[in-house]
Amino acid sequence: MHTPILSAVIALVLWTFVMWFWLYATRIPAIVKGKIKFDPYRPVSEFLDKIPPSARWKADNYNHLHEQPTVFYAVAIMLALLGAGGGLNATLAWVYVGLRVMHSLVQALVNKVEVRFAVFVAASIVLMILAVRAALILFGGPSA
């Protein structure tokens, strides 16, 4: 079964791997340059505190891509299974993916919390709309 919403799902999965690559492409050189040694008997936070913030931002964002987007995956796949993965739902899914990519870029490059939060709220609203639309279809409400 192929529905347009699944393209948005795989796009966000692939973006997550872009961030995975970027985090290691910045973290490993920072560790080598700073001669940072990991001591398994010390708290991990002590190790992470030695890594420059700009290198940590990529890892922070990678972790964020394993939080709220998991709800997106569930809702998008549900919409696909319900036969409602096209039209407005697919458009909203792509808007969500675009906002998550924007969130990643803000966090990874400048990490301005105010901007990042605004993008996060916008993405959250889009996700809520998708979830409500899925619920309306699932529970037999008005056609979404």
C-alpha atoms as a PDB file:
ATOM      1  CA  MET A   1       0.000   0.000   0.000  1.00  0.00           C
ATOM      2  CA  HIS A   2       1.397   3.381  -0.958  1.00  0.00           C
ATOM      3  CA  THR A   3      -0.151   6.619   0.163  1.00  0.00           C
ATOM      4  CA  PRO A   4       1.452  10.068  -0.057  1.00  0.00           C
ATOM      5  CA  ILE A   5       1.712  10.459   3.722  1.00  0.00           C
ATOM      6  CA  LEU A   6       4.248   7.634   3.852  1.00  0.00           C
ATOM      7  CA  SER A   7       6.672   9.767   1.830  1.00  0.00           C
ATOM      8  CA  ALA A   8       6.649  12.311   4.650  1.00  0.00           C
ATOM      9  CA  VAL A   9       7.247   9.522   7.170  1.00  0.00           C
ATOM     10  CA  ILE A  10      10.313   8.203   5.362  1.00  0.00           C
ATOM     11  CA  ALA A  11      11.591  11.747   4.796  1.00  0.00           C
ATOM     12  CA  LEU A  12      11.625  12.366   8.555  1.00  0.00           C
ATOM     13  CA  VAL A  13      13.284   8.994   9.165  1.00  0.00           C
ATOM     14  CA  LEU A  14      16.001   9.881   6.642  1.00  0.00           C
ATOM     15  CA  TRP A  15      16.395  13.345   8.197  1.00  0.00           C
ATOM     16  CA  THR A  16      16.967  11.646  11.552  1.00  0.00           C
ATOM     17  CA  PHE A  17      19.886   9.781   9.982  1.00  0.00           C
ATOM     18  CA  VAL A  18      21.243  13.063   8.575  1.00  0.00           C
ATOM     19  CA  MET A  19      21.300  14.386  12.131  1.00  0.00           C
ATOM     20  CA  TRP A  20      22.893  11.123  13.344  1.00  0.00           C
ATOM     21  CA  PHE A  21      25.709  11.563  10.824  1.00  0.00           C
ATOM     22  CA  TRP A  22      26.081  15.268  11.653  1.00  0.00           C
ATOM     23  CA  LEU A  23      26.305  14.603  15.386  1.00  0.00           C
ATOM     24  CA  TYR A  24      29.200  12.176  14.930  1.00  0.00           C
ATOM     25  CA  ALA A  25      30.854  14.353  12.292  1.00  0.00           C
ATOM     26  CA  THR A  26      31.075  17.125  14.909  1.00  0.00           C
ATOM     27  CA  ARG A  27      31.342  15.161  18.168  1.00  0.00           C
ATOM     28  CA  ILE A  28      34.247  12.871  17.263  1.00  0.00           C
ATOM     29  CA  PRO A  29      36.517  15.707  16.049  1.00  0.00           C
ATOM     30  CA  ALA A  30      35.611  17.742  19.180  1.00  0.00           C
ATOM     31  CA  ILE A  31      36.535  14.805  21.423  1.00  0.00           C
ATOM     32  CA  VAL A  32      39.810  14.238  19.577  1.00  0.00           C
ATOM     33  CA  LYS A  33      40.701  17.947  19.499  1.00  0.00           C
ATOM     34  CA  GLY A  34      39.878  18.406  23.178  1.00  0.00           C
ATOM     35  CA  LYS A  35      41.608  15.136  24.141  1.00  0.00           C
ATOM     36  CA  ILE A  36      38.459  14.265  26.079  1.00  0.00           C
ATOM     37  CA  LYS A  37      38.550  10.890  27.775  1.00  0.00           C
ATOM     38  CA  PHE A  38      35.440   9.028  28.863  1.00  0.00           C
ATOM     39  CA  ASP A  39      35.610   7.633  32.391  1.00  0.00           C
ATOM     40  CA  PRO A  40      32.894   4.992  32.878  1.00  0.00           C
ATOM     41  CA  TYR A  41      33.139   5.529  36.659  1.00  0.00           C
ATOM     42  CA  ARG A  42      32.164   9.207  36.395  1.00  0.00           C
ATOM     43  CA  PRO A  43      28.729  10.618  35.500  1.00  0.00           C
ATOM     44  CA  VAL A  44      28.147  10.898  31.750  1.00  0.00           C
ATOM     45  CA  SER A  45      27.295  14.576  32.282  1.00  0.00           C
ATOM     46  CA  GLU A  46      30.930  15.268  33.180  1.00  0.00           C
ATOM     47  CA  PHE A  47      32.027  13.828  29.844  1.00  0.00           C
ATOM     48  CA  LEU A  48      29.364  15.742  27.913  1.00  0.00           C
ATOM     49  CA  ASP A  49      30.200  19.004  29.691  1.00  0.00           C
ATOM     50  CA  LYS A  50      33.681  18.854  28.143  1.00  0.00           C
ATOM     51  CA  ILE A  51      32.287  18.750  24.609  1.00  0.00           C
ATOM     52  CA  PRO A  52      31.755  22.225  23.092  1.00  0.00           C
ATOM     53  CA  PRO A  53      28.083  23.295  23.070  1.00  0.00           C
ATOM     54  CA  SER A  54      27.942  23.648  19.283  1.00  0.00           C
ATOM     55  CA  ALA A  55      28.898  19.965  18.980  1.00  0.00           C
ATOM     56  CA  ARG A  56      26.400  18.917  21.665  1.00  0.00           C
ATOM     57  CA  TRP A  57      23.519  20.704  19.922  1.00  0.00           C
ATOM     58  CA  LYS A  58      23.501  18.143  17.103  1.00  0.00           C
ATOM     59  CA  ALA A  59      23.257  15.259  19.577  1.00  0.00           C
ATOM     60  CA  ASP A  60      20.539  17.057  21.514  1.00  0.00           C
ATOM     61  CA  ASN A  61      18.529  17.438  18.332  1.00  0.00           C
ATOM     62  CA  TYR A  62      19.078  13.824  17.341  1.00  0.00           C
ATOM     63  CA  ASN A  63      17.578  12.864  20.701  1.00  0.00           C
ATOM     64  CA  HIS A  64      14.659  15.239  20.121  1.00  0.00           C
ATOM     65  CA  LEU A  65      13.956  13.462  16.829  1.00  0.00           C
ATOM     66  CA  HIS A  66      13.224  10.338  18.891  1.00  0.00           C
ATOM     67  CA  GLU A  67      10.658  12.053  21.079  1.00  0.00           C
ATOM     68  CA  GLN A  68       7.600  13.816  19.593  1.00  0.00           C
ATOM     69  CA  PRO A  69       8.176  12.489  16.048  1.00  0.00           C
ATOM     70  CA  THR A  70       7.340   9.002  17.311  1.00  0.00           C
ATOM     71  CA  VAL A  71       3.785  10.262  17.766  1.00  0.00           C
ATOM     72  CA  PHE A  72       3.901  11.603  14.206  1.00  0.00           C
ATOM     73  CA  TYR A  73       4.945   8.192  12.900  1.00  0.00           C
ATOM     74  CA  ALA A  74       2.051   6.495  14.692  1.00  0.00           C
ATOM     75  CA  VAL A  75      -0.531   9.016  13.487  1.00  0.00           C
ATOM     76  CA  ALA A  76       0.756   9.092   9.904  1.00  0.00           C
ATOM     77  CA  ILE A  77       0.869   5.308   9.628  1.00  0.00           C
ATOM     78  CA  MET A  78      -2.624   5.098  11.140  1.00  0.00           C
ATOM     79  CA  LEU A  79      -3.905   7.581   8.563  1.00  0.00           C
ATOM     80  CA  ALA A  80      -2.284   5.520   5.806  1.00  0.00           C
ATOM     81  CA  LEU A  81      -3.920   2.333   7.132  1.00  0.00           C
ATOM     82  CA  LEU A  82      -7.281   4.107   7.324  1.00  0.00           C
ATOM     83  CA  GLY A  83      -6.963   5.087   3.665  1.00  0.00           C
ATOM     84  CA  ALA A  84      -6.658   8.767   4.576  1.00  0.00           C
ATOM     85  CA  GLY A  85      -2.999   9.348   3.765  1.00  0.00           C
ATOM     86  CA  GLY A  86      -3.525  11.759   0.896  1.00  0.00           C
ATOM     87  CA  GLY A  87      -4.854  15.255   0.397  1.00  0.00           C
ATOM     88  CA  LEU A  88      -4.821  17.588   3.377  1.00  0.00           C
ATOM     89  CA  ASN A  89      -3.414  14.906   5.687  1.00  0.00           C
ATOM     90  CA  ALA A  90      -0.387  14.393   3.444  1.00  0.00           C
ATOM     91  CA  THR A  91       0.079  18.162   3.192  1.00  0.00           C
ATOM     92  CA  LEU A  92      -0.059  18.523   6.965  1.00  0.00           C
ATOM     93  CA  ALA A  93       2.441  15.676   7.325  1.00  0.00           C
ATOM     94  CA  TRP A  94       4.869  17.455   5.015  1.00  0.00           C
ATOM     95  CA  VAL A  95       4.373  20.711   6.928  1.00  0.00           C
ATOM     96  CA  TYR A  96       5.225  18.818  10.130  1.00  0.00           C
ATOM     97  CA  VAL A  97       8.354  17.328   8.546  1.00  0.00           C
ATOM     98  CA  GLY A  98       9.422  20.750   7.255  1.00  0.00           C
ATOM     99  CA  LEU A  99       8.981  22.273  10.698  1.00  0.00           C
ATOM    100  CA  ARG A 100      10.992  19.454  12.313  1.00  0.00           C
ATOM    101  CA  VAL A 101      13.807  19.982   9.803  1.00  0.00           C
ATOM    102  CA  MET A 102      13.676  23.711  10.557  1.00  0.00           C
ATOM    103  CA  HIS A 103      13.774  22.904  14.286  1.00  0.00           C
ATOM    104  CA  SER A 104      16.849  20.748  13.699  1.00  0.00           C
ATOM    105  CA  LEU A 105      18.647  23.446  11.751  1.00  0.00           C
ATOM    106  CA  VAL A 106      17.877  26.127  14.334  1.00  0.00           C
ATOM    107  CA  GLN A 107      19.068  23.901  17.174  1.00  0.00           C
ATOM    108  CA  ALA A 108      22.136  22.572  15.386  1.00  0.00           C
ATOM    109  CA  LEU A 109      23.367  25.887  13.990  1.00  0.00           C
ATOM    110  CA  VAL A 110      22.398  28.719  16.358  1.00  0.00           C
ATOM    111  CA  ASN A 111      20.338  27.139  19.135  1.00  0.00           C
ATOM    112  CA  LYS A 112      18.223  30.216  19.795  1.00  0.00           C
ATOM    113  CA  VAL A 113      15.738  28.806  22.282  1.00  0.00           C
ATOM    114  CA  GLU A 114      13.005  31.349  21.521  1.00  0.00           C
ATOM    115  CA  VAL A 115      13.076  30.541  17.795  1.00  0.00           C
ATOM    116  CA  ARG A 116      13.387  26.817  18.429  1.00  0.00           C
ATOM    117  CA  PHE A 117      10.417  26.900  20.801  1.00  0.00           C
ATOM    118  CA  ALA A 118       8.251  28.792  18.294  1.00  0.00           C
ATOM    119  CA  VAL A 119       9.021  26.207  15.610  1.00  0.00           C
ATOM    120  CA  PHE A 120       8.352  23.387  18.087  1.00  0.00           C
ATOM    121  CA  VAL A 121       4.962  24.855  19.011  1.00  0.00           C
ATOM    122  CA  ALA A 122       4.017  25.242  15.345  1.00  0.00           C
ATOM    123  CA  ALA A 123       4.989  21.619  14.657  1.00  0.00           C
ATOM    124  CA  SER A 124       3.064  20.478  17.726  1.00  0.00           C
ATOM    125  CA  ILE A 125      -0.079  22.240  16.533  1.00  0.00           C
ATOM    126  CA  VAL A 126       0.204  20.599  13.116  1.00  0.00           C
ATOM    127  CA  LEU A 127       0.664  17.210  14.789  1.00  0.00           C
ATOM    128  CA  MET A 128      -2.367  17.797  17.018  1.00  0.00           C
ATOM    129  CA  ILE A 129      -4.464  18.622  13.955  1.00  0.00           C
ATOM    130  CA  LEU A 130      -3.314  15.401  12.287  1.00  0.00           C
ATOM    131  CA  ALA A 131      -4.127  13.415  15.428  1.00  0.00           C
ATOM    132  CA  VAL A 132      -7.605  14.933  15.700  1.00  0.00           C
ATOM    133  CA  ARG A 133      -8.257  14.220  12.025  1.00  0.00           C
ATOM    134  CA  ALA A 134      -7.194  10.599  12.551  1.00  0.00           C
ATOM    135  CA  ALA A 135      -9.418  10.306  15.612  1.00  0.00           C
ATOM    136  CA  LEU A 136     -12.400  11.690  13.710  1.00  0.00           C
ATOM    137  CA  ILE A 137     -11.929   9.099  10.986  1.00  0.00           C
ATOM    138  CA  LEU A 138     -11.264   6.255  13.408  1.00  0.00           C
ATOM    139  CA  PHE A 139     -14.242   6.976  15.631  1.00  0.00           C
ATOM    140  CA  GLY A 140     -16.628   7.649  12.760  1.00  0.00           C
ATOM    141  CA  GLY A 141     -16.946  11.381  13.070  1.00  0.00           C
ATOM    142  CA  PRO A 142     -17.211  13.791  10.164  1.00  0.00           C
ATOM    143  CA  SER A 143     -15.029  12.947   7.193  1.00  0.00           C
ATOM    144  CA  ALA A 144     -11.579  14.405   7.660  1.00  0.00           C
END
